[in-house]
Amino acid sequence: MVRPEDVKRYIQDGLDCTHVEVAGDGQHFEAIIVSAAFAGKSKVAQHQIVYKALGDRMREEIHALSMQTLTPEQWAER
């Protein structure tokens, strides 16, 4: 079973992030991801960046991923 820590590591390995939080039950996960790579991109494009970082794991290991994507500036404003 995939653990939240695994998903966090997968994201960090594939994307330069300043902050990542992941919670979940082994199939369904929620993540907060902060990366400068999201600057100037739509939410759809930001999510595609994360899906690309996860690669085939989205089909094989992770059943569902709900995510909040933020730039470092947006994260600092929270």
C-alpha atoms as a PDB file:
ATOM      1  CA  MET A   1       0.000   0.000   0.000  1.00  0.00           C
ATOM      2  CA  VAL A   2       1.221   3.483  -0.866  1.00  0.00           C
ATOM      3  CA  ARG A   3       1.688   5.768   2.130  1.00  0.00           C
ATOM      4  CA  PRO A   4       1.327   9.567   2.185  1.00  0.00           C
ATOM      5  CA  GLU A   5       5.095   9.787   2.768  1.00  0.00           C
ATOM      6  CA  ASP A   6       5.644   7.848  -0.468  1.00  0.00           C
ATOM      7  CA  VAL A   7       3.458  10.215  -2.479  1.00  0.00           C
ATOM      8  CA  LYS A   8       5.258  13.186  -0.934  1.00  0.00           C
ATOM      9  CA  ARG A   9       8.624  11.724  -1.939  1.00  0.00           C
ATOM     10  CA  TYR A  10       7.392  10.957  -5.474  1.00  0.00           C
ATOM     11  CA  ILE A  11       6.288  14.580  -5.895  1.00  0.00           C
ATOM     12  CA  GLN A  12       9.515  15.975  -4.448  1.00  0.00           C
ATOM     13  CA  ASP A  13      11.625  13.676  -6.630  1.00  0.00           C
ATOM     14  CA  GLY A  14       9.888  14.861  -9.798  1.00  0.00           C
ATOM     15  CA  LEU A  15       9.279  18.534  -9.069  1.00  0.00           C
ATOM     16  CA  ASP A  16      11.300  21.289  -7.415  1.00  0.00           C
ATOM     17  CA  CYS A  17       9.066  22.174  -4.450  1.00  0.00           C
ATOM     18  CA  THR A  18       9.489  24.491  -1.503  1.00  0.00           C
ATOM     19  CA  HIS A  19       6.725  22.785   0.509  1.00  0.00           C
ATOM     20  CA  VAL A  20       4.712  19.561   0.189  1.00  0.00           C
ATOM     21  CA  GLU A  21       2.087  18.119   2.541  1.00  0.00           C
ATOM     22  CA  VAL A  22       0.306  14.856   1.774  1.00  0.00           C
ATOM     23  CA  ALA A  23      -2.417  13.032   3.712  1.00  0.00           C
ATOM     24  CA  GLY A  24      -4.369   9.958   2.676  1.00  0.00           C
ATOM     25  CA  ASP A  25      -5.567   6.433   3.274  1.00  0.00           C
ATOM     26  CA  GLY A  26      -3.425   4.453   0.838  1.00  0.00           C
ATOM     27  CA  GLN A  27      -5.529   5.045  -2.274  1.00  0.00           C
ATOM     28  CA  HIS A  28      -7.023   8.519  -1.920  1.00  0.00           C
ATOM     29  CA  PHE A  29      -4.672  11.385  -1.159  1.00  0.00           C
ATOM     30  CA  GLU A  30      -4.824  15.128  -0.560  1.00  0.00           C
ATOM     31  CA  ALA A  31      -1.787  17.301  -1.170  1.00  0.00           C
ATOM     32  CA  ILE A  32      -0.652  20.895  -0.779  1.00  0.00           C
ATOM     33  CA  ILE A  33       2.208  21.571  -3.174  1.00  0.00           C
ATOM     34  CA  VAL A  34       4.205  24.803  -3.329  1.00  0.00           C
ATOM     35  CA  SER A  35       6.509  25.339  -6.308  1.00  0.00           C
ATOM     36  CA  ALA A  36       7.880  28.239  -8.319  1.00  0.00           C
ATOM     37  CA  ALA A  37       7.155  26.089 -11.403  1.00  0.00           C
ATOM     38  CA  PHE A  38       3.465  27.009 -10.983  1.00  0.00           C
ATOM     39  CA  ALA A  39       4.020  30.751 -11.520  1.00  0.00           C
ATOM     40  CA  GLY A  40       1.961  32.169 -14.371  1.00  0.00           C
ATOM     41  CA  LYS A  41       0.214  28.855 -15.079  1.00  0.00           C
ATOM     42  CA  SER A  42      -3.467  27.976 -14.844  1.00  0.00           C
ATOM     43  CA  LYS A  43      -4.621  25.506 -12.187  1.00  0.00           C
ATOM     44  CA  VAL A  44      -5.055  22.884 -14.904  1.00  0.00           C
ATOM     45  CA  ALA A  45      -1.474  23.415 -16.098  1.00  0.00           C
ATOM     46  CA  GLN A  46      -0.215  23.306 -12.499  1.00  0.00           C
ATOM     47  CA  HIS A  47      -1.966  20.005 -11.872  1.00  0.00           C
ATOM     48  CA  GLN A  48      -0.555  18.618 -15.126  1.00  0.00           C
ATOM     49  CA  ILE A  49       2.948  19.459 -13.858  1.00  0.00           C
ATOM     50  CA  VAL A  50       2.271  17.396 -10.724  1.00  0.00           C
ATOM     51  CA  TYR A  51       0.776  14.506 -12.738  1.00  0.00           C
ATOM     52  CA  LYS A  52       3.868  14.533 -14.958  1.00  0.00           C
ATOM     53  CA  ALA A  53       6.094  14.391 -11.870  1.00  0.00           C
ATOM     54  CA  LEU A  54       4.129  11.366 -10.626  1.00  0.00           C
ATOM     55  CA  GLY A  55       4.189   9.667 -14.036  1.00  0.00           C
ATOM     56  CA  ASP A  56       2.749   6.147 -14.211  1.00  0.00           C
ATOM     57  CA  ARG A  57       2.242   6.075 -10.445  1.00  0.00           C
ATOM     58  CA  MET A  58      -1.034   7.961 -10.987  1.00  0.00           C
ATOM     59  CA  ARG A  59      -2.388   4.996 -12.917  1.00  0.00           C
ATOM     60  CA  GLU A  60      -0.715   2.174 -11.041  1.00  0.00           C
ATOM     61  CA  GLU A  61      -0.367   3.160  -7.377  1.00  0.00           C
ATOM     62  CA  ILE A  62      -2.437   6.261  -6.639  1.00  0.00           C
ATOM     63  CA  HIS A  63      -6.175   5.921  -7.119  1.00  0.00           C
ATOM     64  CA  ALA A  64      -7.050   9.583  -6.511  1.00  0.00           C
ATOM     65  CA  LEU A  65      -5.175  12.775  -5.719  1.00  0.00           C
ATOM     66  CA  SER A  66      -6.831  16.010  -4.691  1.00  0.00           C
ATOM     67  CA  MET A  67      -4.340  18.836  -4.703  1.00  0.00           C
ATOM     68  CA  GLN A  68      -3.941  22.484  -3.904  1.00  0.00           C
ATOM     69  CA  THR A  69      -1.107  24.019  -5.910  1.00  0.00           C
ATOM     70  CA  LEU A  70       0.458  27.312  -4.918  1.00  0.00           C
ATOM     71  CA  THR A  71       3.417  29.483  -5.844  1.00  0.00           C
ATOM     72  CA  PRO A  72       5.783  30.415  -2.991  1.00  0.00           C
ATOM     73  CA  GLU A  73       4.259  33.923  -3.020  1.00  0.00           C
ATOM     74  CA  GLN A  74       0.720  32.543  -2.675  1.00  0.00           C
ATOM     75  CA  TRP A  75       1.879  30.246   0.130  1.00  0.00           C
ATOM     76  CA  ALA A  76       3.467  33.193   1.989  1.00  0.00           C
ATOM     77  CA  GLU A  77       0.169  35.124   1.802  1.00  0.00           C
ATOM     78  CA  ARG A  78      -1.785  32.381   3.588  1.00  0.00           C
END
